[in-house]
């Protein structure tokens, strides 16, 4: 599939885009600096749960879209969590989107099959949850979640208010699961990811400030999967998070057939390490393939497949 999804910068202060990439066939194209650079450039304090500042700009970043999901309030909207400290294991998250007057927002534009997309990820980027919360009439959202370990997490709400001339908004808020915290290292970069008997290979190039095409190829038992099923109105659903500050991107492909290839066009806002999560549906079940990439740095073509564990859907 040659047609990519064009990722446009979200308007003014509301928005968020950034991307990640790997290589298929001949290996991964250009993709970034080691994770250490992200912490230094963005004022980070490591990935042990401290929120990194949004400072510093790498070469080429001036041409890139702004990263998003870094603020709890933006464009007159606020993500208000009623459960900022969920318990370890299974619990229920409740939240609301408030307008500039402090009122719960109850009118949203449906995009990709949902009024609001809600993501929860651990600060070390080893746990990822794509959840589908339910909105009550008063504007309170709720969703069950399973968070397997104590430590820092971040929740993201991606939505578009149903008002005239509205643009997409991505808000982010920190969560804390009480208990002994043992952060895990960022998974190593690999050009393939194995999940539930499927292998997903990610190829293309990504450089800070430059658009590049990402192509993901889904196989099962070594054979191309040519009958992917629509999920949220598309054959693939992509979320990428930047290591350190967990800046966020949420994008869907809008053209192409049912596999085995799903393509995106993405631009990284900075060099550094990213974690990318691809949701795809086959045989009635949604699966998530996860990758690590260093934007601007070539990855080895002989890297082993990575088992994409720790990811679930609500």
Protein backbone atom coordinates (compact mmCIF):
# COMPACT_ATOMS: atom_id res chain seq x y z
CA UNK A 1 0.00 0.00 0.00
CA UNK A 2 1.56 3.24 -1.11
CA UNK A 3 -0.97 5.76 0.11
CA UNK A 4 -0.12 7.23 3.52
CA UNK A 5 -2.19 9.12 5.99
CA UNK A 6 -1.07 12.71 6.12
CA UNK A 7 -0.53 13.82 9.68
CA UNK A 8 -1.27 17.52 9.99
CA UNK A 9 -0.34 19.69 12.94
CA UNK A 10 -3.25 20.22 15.28
CA UNK A 11 -4.29 23.86 15.27
CA UNK A 12 -2.34 26.43 17.26
CA UNK A 13 -2.03 25.59 20.94
CA UNK A 14 -4.51 22.72 20.79
CA UNK A 15 -2.53 20.21 19.01
CA UNK A 16 -0.18 17.36 18.75
CA UNK A 17 1.63 15.41 16.19
CA UNK A 18 4.68 13.35 16.00
CA UNK A 19 5.72 10.08 14.52
CA UNK A 20 8.06 7.16 14.57
CA UNK A 21 9.53 4.77 12.05
CA UNK A 22 11.39 1.59 11.34
CA UNK A 23 12.59 -0.35 8.35
CA UNK A 24 11.10 -3.17 6.34
CA UNK A 25 12.98 -5.40 3.93
CA UNK A 26 16.19 -3.41 3.66
CA UNK A 27 16.04 -2.34 7.29
CA UNK A 28 14.98 0.78 9.10
CA UNK A 29 15.42 4.27 7.68
CA UNK A 30 16.84 7.25 9.56
CA UNK A 31 15.28 7.63 12.97
CA UNK A 32 16.83 9.72 15.99
CA UNK A 33 19.12 10.07 18.89
CA UNK A 34 19.39 7.76 21.88
CA UNK A 35 16.86 8.17 24.66
CA UNK A 36 19.37 10.09 26.76
CA UNK A 37 19.13 13.01 24.36
CA UNK A 38 15.40 13.32 24.97
CA UNK A 39 15.89 13.70 28.70
CA UNK A 40 18.61 16.28 28.27
CA UNK A 41 16.82 18.30 25.60
CA UNK A 42 13.42 18.22 27.27
CA UNK A 43 14.54 18.74 30.84
CA UNK A 44 13.56 15.19 31.78
CA UNK A 45 14.49 13.49 35.01
CA UNK A 46 14.65 10.00 33.63
CA UNK A 47 11.79 7.59 32.97
CA UNK A 48 11.16 6.67 36.59
CA UNK A 49 7.89 8.60 36.70
CA UNK A 50 8.92 12.26 36.84
CA UNK A 51 7.24 14.49 34.28
CA UNK A 52 9.71 15.98 31.85
CA UNK A 53 9.55 19.62 30.85
CA UNK A 54 8.90 20.65 27.26
CA UNK A 55 12.06 22.57 26.53
CA UNK A 56 14.89 22.51 23.99
CA UNK A 57 14.64 22.07 20.23
CA UNK A 58 16.81 19.80 18.17
CA UNK A 59 18.09 20.55 14.71
CA UNK A 60 15.23 20.25 12.23
CA UNK A 61 12.54 20.50 14.90
CA UNK A 62 11.64 24.04 13.80
CA UNK A 63 9.91 22.53 10.77
CA UNK A 64 8.07 19.87 12.75
CA UNK A 65 4.58 20.11 14.29
CA UNK A 66 4.28 20.69 18.00
CA UNK A 67 4.08 17.67 20.28
CA UNK A 68 0.77 17.25 22.12
CA UNK A 69 -0.83 15.75 25.20
CA UNK A 70 1.65 17.60 27.42
CA UNK A 71 -0.93 19.77 29.19
CA UNK A 72 -3.97 19.02 31.30
CA UNK A 73 -5.64 22.25 30.13
CA UNK A 74 -5.49 23.70 26.65
CA UNK A 75 -7.66 25.73 24.33
CA UNK A 76 -10.26 26.34 27.02
CA UNK A 77 -10.68 22.67 27.94
CA UNK A 78 -9.45 20.68 30.95
CA UNK A 79 -9.13 16.94 31.58
CA UNK A 80 -10.40 16.46 35.15
CA UNK A 81 -9.62 13.06 36.68
CA UNK A 82 -11.79 11.92 39.57
CA UNK A 83 -9.52 8.92 40.15
CA UNK A 84 -5.93 10.26 39.90
CA UNK A 85 -4.66 7.37 42.06
CA UNK A 86 -6.23 4.17 40.74
CA UNK A 87 -5.43 0.95 42.55
CA UNK A 88 -3.06 -1.67 41.21
CA UNK A 89 -4.88 -4.31 39.19
CA UNK A 90 -8.49 -3.82 38.12
CA UNK A 91 -10.24 -0.56 38.92
CA UNK A 92 -12.51 2.05 37.35
CA UNK A 93 -11.34 5.40 36.03
CA UNK A 94 -13.72 8.36 36.05
CA UNK A 95 -13.11 11.73 34.45
CA UNK A 96 -14.74 14.65 32.69
CA UNK A 97 -13.83 17.26 30.10
CA UNK A 98 -14.54 20.73 31.42
CA UNK A 99 -14.95 23.92 29.43
CA UNK A 100 -13.52 27.33 30.30
CA UNK A 101 -16.42 27.94 32.69
CA UNK A 102 -15.80 24.71 34.61
CA UNK A 103 -18.85 22.95 33.15
CA UNK A 104 -18.76 19.35 31.96
CA UNK A 105 -18.69 19.10 28.18
CA UNK A 106 -21.49 16.85 26.90
CA UNK A 107 -21.36 17.43 23.14
CA UNK A 108 -18.55 15.91 21.07
CA UNK A 109 -17.97 15.25 17.40
CA UNK A 110 -17.74 11.55 16.58
CA UNK A 111 -14.38 10.78 14.98
CA UNK A 112 -13.22 7.31 13.97
CA UNK A 113 -16.32 5.82 15.54
CA UNK A 114 -15.93 7.41 18.98
CA UNK A 115 -16.72 10.72 20.67
CA UNK A 116 -13.49 10.48 22.65
CA UNK A 117 -10.37 8.32 22.48
CA UNK A 118 -8.77 7.51 25.83
CA UNK A 119 -5.27 6.10 26.26
CA UNK A 120 -3.39 5.15 29.43
CA UNK A 121 0.34 4.32 29.33
CA UNK A 122 2.92 3.69 32.00
CA UNK A 123 5.75 6.18 32.32
CA UNK A 124 8.26 3.51 31.31
CA UNK A 125 6.13 2.82 28.18
CA UNK A 126 5.85 -0.91 28.89
CA UNK A 127 2.10 -0.84 29.66
CA UNK A 128 -0.41 0.52 27.15
CA UNK A 129 -4.18 0.60 27.39
CA UNK A 130 -6.52 1.81 24.65
CA UNK A 131 -9.83 2.20 26.45
CA UNK A 132 -13.37 2.98 25.35
CA UNK A 133 -15.05 4.93 28.16
CA UNK A 134 -18.78 5.49 28.42
CA UNK A 135 -20.20 8.99 28.89
CA UNK A 136 -23.08 9.63 31.27
CA UNK A 137 -25.66 12.31 30.55
CA UNK A 138 -23.92 14.72 32.93
CA UNK A 139 -20.65 14.49 31.01
CA UNK A 140 -18.86 12.11 33.38
CA UNK A 141 -16.88 9.40 31.62
CA UNK A 142 -16.03 6.01 33.16
CA UNK A 143 -14.07 2.96 32.06
CA UNK A 144 -12.66 -0.18 33.66
CA UNK A 145 -8.88 -0.52 33.49
CA UNK A 146 -6.28 -3.08 34.51
CA UNK A 147 -2.97 -1.54 35.59
CA UNK A 148 -0.63 -4.40 36.48
CA UNK A 149 2.09 -2.51 38.31
CA UNK A 150 2.52 0.38 40.73
CA UNK A 151 4.14 3.58 39.53
CA UNK A 152 3.53 6.54 37.27
CA UNK A 153 1.09 6.50 34.36
CA UNK A 154 -0.29 9.10 32.00
CA UNK A 155 -3.83 9.32 30.65
CA UNK A 156 -4.69 11.03 27.36
CA UNK A 157 -8.06 12.27 26.11
CA UNK A 158 -8.26 12.90 22.36
CA UNK A 159 -11.49 14.58 21.24
CA UNK A 160 -13.16 17.29 19.18
CA UNK A 161 -15.86 19.44 20.82
CA UNK A 162 -19.12 19.75 18.93
CA UNK A 163 -18.91 23.51 18.53
CA UNK A 164 -18.47 25.70 15.47
CA UNK A 165 -14.94 25.81 14.05
CA UNK A 166 -13.68 23.38 16.69
CA UNK A 167 -10.41 21.56 16.15
CA UNK A 168 -9.05 18.41 17.74
CA UNK A 169 -7.81 18.59 21.33
CA UNK A 170 -5.40 16.21 23.05
CA UNK A 171 -5.04 16.58 26.82
CA UNK A 172 -2.81 14.61 29.17
CA UNK A 173 -2.80 14.09 32.94
CA UNK A 174 -0.53 12.16 35.31
CA UNK A 175 -1.83 9.18 37.27
CA UNK A 176 -0.18 7.39 40.19
CA UNK A 177 -0.73 3.78 41.23
CA UNK A 178 0.36 3.36 44.87
CA UNK A 179 2.89 0.67 45.73
CA UNK A 180 6.51 -0.29 45.28
CA UNK A 181 7.68 0.95 41.91
CA UNK A 182 10.33 -0.82 39.84
CA UNK A 183 10.59 0.90 36.43
CA UNK A 184 11.58 -1.27 33.51
CA UNK A 185 13.95 -0.15 30.76
CA UNK A 186 12.55 1.02 27.45
CA UNK A 187 12.21 -2.06 25.21
CA UNK A 188 14.97 -2.34 22.63
CA UNK A 189 14.35 -1.12 19.09
CA UNK A 190 13.33 -3.84 16.65
CA UNK A 191 11.93 -3.75 13.14
CA UNK A 192 9.37 -6.49 13.85
CA UNK A 193 6.93 -7.15 16.69
CA UNK A 194 5.27 -10.47 17.55
CA UNK A 195 1.82 -10.50 19.13
CA UNK A 196 -0.62 -13.39 19.58
CA UNK A 197 0.76 -15.40 16.66
CA UNK A 198 1.05 -12.40 14.34
CA UNK A 199 4.19 -10.68 13.15
CA UNK A 200 4.11 -7.01 12.22
CA UNK A 201 7.01 -5.48 10.31
CA UNK A 202 7.44 -1.72 10.26
CA UNK A 203 9.40 0.05 7.57
CA UNK A 204 10.05 3.50 6.23
CA UNK A 205 11.97 6.54 7.37
CA UNK A 206 11.47 9.29 9.89
CA UNK A 207 13.66 12.32 10.51
CA UNK A 208 12.98 15.26 12.82
CA UNK A 209 11.17 18.00 10.90
CA UNK A 210 10.73 15.90 7.75
CA UNK A 211 7.71 13.91 6.65
CA UNK A 212 8.26 10.23 5.96
CA UNK A 213 6.07 7.25 5.13
CA UNK A 214 5.67 4.41 7.60
CA UNK A 215 4.45 1.07 6.28
CA UNK A 216 3.32 -1.72 8.57
CA UNK A 217 2.94 -5.23 7.17
CA UNK A 218 0.88 -7.82 9.06
CA UNK A 219 1.59 -11.55 8.70
CA UNK A 220 0.42 -14.70 10.45
CA UNK A 221 2.37 -17.93 10.18
CA UNK A 222 4.61 -16.23 7.65
CA UNK A 223 1.70 -15.46 5.32
CA UNK A 224 0.42 -11.94 4.58
CA UNK A 225 -2.90 -11.09 6.26
CA UNK A 226 -5.09 -9.73 3.47
CA UNK A 227 -8.40 -9.60 5.33
CA UNK A 228 -7.82 -7.14 8.16
CA UNK A 229 -11.10 -5.93 9.63
CA UNK A 230 -12.07 -2.29 10.15
CA UNK A 231 -11.35 -1.04 13.64
CA UNK A 232 -12.59 2.42 14.59
CA UNK A 233 -13.38 3.00 10.94
CA UNK A 234 -9.95 2.07 9.55
CA UNK A 235 -7.62 -0.89 9.03
CA UNK A 236 -5.07 0.44 11.48
CA UNK A 237 -4.98 2.75 14.47
CA UNK A 238 -1.70 4.38 15.47
CA UNK A 239 -0.59 5.95 18.75
CA UNK A 240 2.98 7.08 19.39
CA UNK A 241 4.51 8.37 22.62
CA UNK A 242 7.84 10.11 23.06
CA UNK A 243 10.09 8.70 25.75
CA UNK A 244 10.60 11.09 28.66
CA UNK A 245 7.64 13.47 28.48
CA UNK A 246 5.19 11.08 26.76
CA UNK A 247 4.23 13.60 24.08
CA UNK A 248 1.38 12.05 22.10
CA UNK A 249 0.19 11.37 18.56
CA UNK A 250 -3.04 9.67 17.50
CA UNK A 251 -3.69 9.04 13.78
CA UNK A 252 -5.62 6.70 11.51
CA UNK A 253 -5.07 5.64 7.92
CA UNK A 254 -7.87 6.78 5.63
CA UNK A 255 -7.29 4.84 2.42
CA UNK A 256 -6.24 1.42 1.22
CA UNK A 257 -7.44 -2.15 1.34
CA UNK A 258 -7.63 -4.74 4.10
CA UNK A 259 -3.93 -5.56 4.37
CA UNK A 260 -1.35 -6.81 4.59
CA UNK A 261 0.03 -3.23 4.48
CA UNK A 262 -1.15 -0.21 6.44
CA UNK A 263 0.60 3.10 5.73
CA UNK A 264 1.00 6.42 7.51
CA UNK A 265 2.93 9.61 6.83
CA UNK A 266 4.49 11.09 9.95
CA UNK A 267 6.86 13.82 11.07
CA UNK A 268 8.81 13.69 14.33
CA UNK A 269 8.85 16.96 16.29
CA UNK A 270 12.29 16.10 17.68
CA UNK A 271 15.04 13.53 17.72
CA UNK A 272 14.89 10.95 20.47
CA UNK A 273 13.28 7.68 21.49
CA UNK A 274 9.64 6.92 20.71
CA UNK A 275 7.28 4.05 21.45
CA UNK A 276 4.72 3.27 18.76
CA UNK A 277 1.55 1.19 19.19
CA UNK A 278 -0.40 -0.16 16.21
CA UNK A 279 -3.92 -1.54 16.83
CA UNK A 280 -5.31 -3.87 14.16
CA UNK A 281 -8.29 -6.22 14.08
CA UNK A 282 -8.42 -9.73 12.63
CA UNK A 283 -10.77 -12.66 13.29
CA UNK A 284 -12.89 -10.42 15.48
CA UNK A 285 -10.13 -9.47 17.94
CA UNK A 286 -8.06 -6.31 18.31
CA UNK A 287 -4.33 -6.79 18.81
CA UNK A 288 -1.57 -4.28 19.47
CA UNK A 289 1.93 -4.41 18.00
CA UNK A 290 4.44 -2.23 19.83
CA UNK A 291 7.80 -0.87 18.67
CA UNK A 292 10.62 1.31 19.98
CA UNK A 293 12.47 3.63 17.63
CA UNK A 294 15.13 6.32 17.93
CA UNK A 295 14.13 9.12 15.56
CA UNK A 296 17.07 10.09 13.36
CA UNK A 297 19.14 6.97 14.00
CA UNK A 298 19.30 3.90 11.76
CA UNK A 299 18.37 0.61 13.40
CA UNK A 300 20.01 -2.72 12.63
CA UNK A 301 18.31 -4.90 10.04
CA UNK A 302 19.06 -8.07 12.00
CA UNK A 303 17.21 -7.12 15.18
CA UNK A 304 15.04 -9.85 16.64
CA UNK A 305 11.23 -9.61 16.79
CA UNK A 306 9.88 -8.06 19.98
CA UNK A 307 7.00 -9.67 21.85
CA UNK A 308 4.39 -6.93 22.21
CA UNK A 309 3.12 -7.73 25.69
CA UNK A 310 1.46 -5.48 28.25
CA UNK A 311 -1.16 -4.00 25.90
CA UNK A 312 -4.90 -4.20 26.14
CA UNK A 313 -8.15 -2.65 24.97
CA UNK A 314 -11.16 -1.51 26.90
